[in-house]
Amino acid sequence: MLEWLSNNWANILIIALVTALVVLAIISMVRDKKEGKSSCGCNCANCALAGKCHSVQKKEKS
């Protein structure tokens, strides 16, 4: 077992780092979603789907 670990330590380290980055990205997305933040940047002037992603917010304010 120790021989396998010593032969594959670089792969294990890279996989652990990538997994940690993915988990952090997911956590950040969930927090932003709970706070009501949009991932699009809200530059609706240049967006073809501007009426779709913000239509719910406009209806709630009316």
Protein backbone atom coordinates (compact mmCIF):
# COMPACT_ATOMS: atom_id res chain seq x y z
CA MET A 1 0.00 0.00 0.00
CA LEU A 2 2.79 2.43 0.88
CA GLU A 3 4.53 1.64 -2.39
CA TRP A 4 1.37 2.50 -4.34
CA LEU A 5 1.00 5.77 -2.42
CA SER A 6 4.63 6.73 -3.03
CA ASN A 7 4.26 5.95 -6.75
CA ASN A 8 1.03 7.97 -7.11
CA TRP A 9 1.45 10.89 -4.69
CA ALA A 10 1.48 13.48 -7.47
CA ASN A 11 -1.78 12.21 -8.95
CA ILE A 12 -3.40 12.08 -5.53
CA LEU A 13 -2.32 15.66 -4.80
CA ILE A 14 -3.62 16.99 -8.13
CA ILE A 15 -6.95 15.19 -7.74
CA ALA A 16 -7.32 16.56 -4.20
CA LEU A 17 -6.62 20.12 -5.38
CA VAL A 18 -9.07 19.91 -8.28
CA THR A 19 -11.72 18.43 -6.01
CA ALA A 20 -11.20 21.23 -3.48
CA LEU A 21 -11.54 23.88 -6.20
CA VAL A 22 -14.77 22.33 -7.48
CA VAL A 23 -16.21 22.18 -3.96
CA LEU A 24 -15.29 25.83 -3.34
CA ALA A 25 -16.89 26.88 -6.63
CA ILE A 26 -20.11 25.04 -5.77
CA ILE A 27 -20.20 26.58 -2.29
CA SER A 28 -19.74 30.04 -3.79
CA MET A 29 -22.54 29.46 -6.29
CA VAL A 30 -24.92 28.25 -3.57
CA ARG A 31 -24.15 31.28 -1.38
CA ASP A 32 -24.69 33.66 -4.29
CA LYS A 33 -27.98 31.97 -5.14
CA LYS A 34 -29.19 32.29 -1.53
CA GLU A 35 -28.27 36.00 -1.52
CA GLY A 36 -30.14 36.56 -4.76
CA LYS A 37 -27.07 37.45 -6.79
CA SER A 38 -27.09 36.81 -10.51
CA SER A 39 -24.24 35.07 -12.30
CA CYS A 40 -24.80 36.93 -15.55
CA GLY A 41 -23.29 40.24 -14.45
CA CYS A 42 -26.59 42.06 -15.15
CA ASN A 43 -25.47 43.76 -18.35
CA CYS A 44 -28.91 43.33 -19.89
CA ALA A 45 -28.39 45.90 -22.63
CA ASN A 46 -26.30 43.40 -24.61
CA CYS A 47 -28.09 40.21 -23.59
CA ALA A 48 -30.50 38.42 -25.91
CA LEU A 49 -32.29 36.81 -22.95
CA ALA A 50 -32.67 39.94 -20.81
CA GLY A 51 -36.44 39.57 -20.63
CA LYS A 52 -36.21 35.97 -19.47
CA CYS A 53 -33.78 36.03 -16.57
CA HIS A 54 -35.06 39.21 -14.89
CA SER A 55 -38.75 38.98 -15.69
CA VAL A 56 -39.53 37.34 -12.32
CA GLN A 57 -37.90 40.19 -10.39
CA LYS A 58 -39.79 42.80 -12.41
CA LYS A 59 -43.14 41.08 -11.79
CA GLU A 60 -42.50 40.85 -8.05
CA LYS A 61 -41.72 44.57 -7.79
CA SER A 62 -44.88 45.58 -9.65
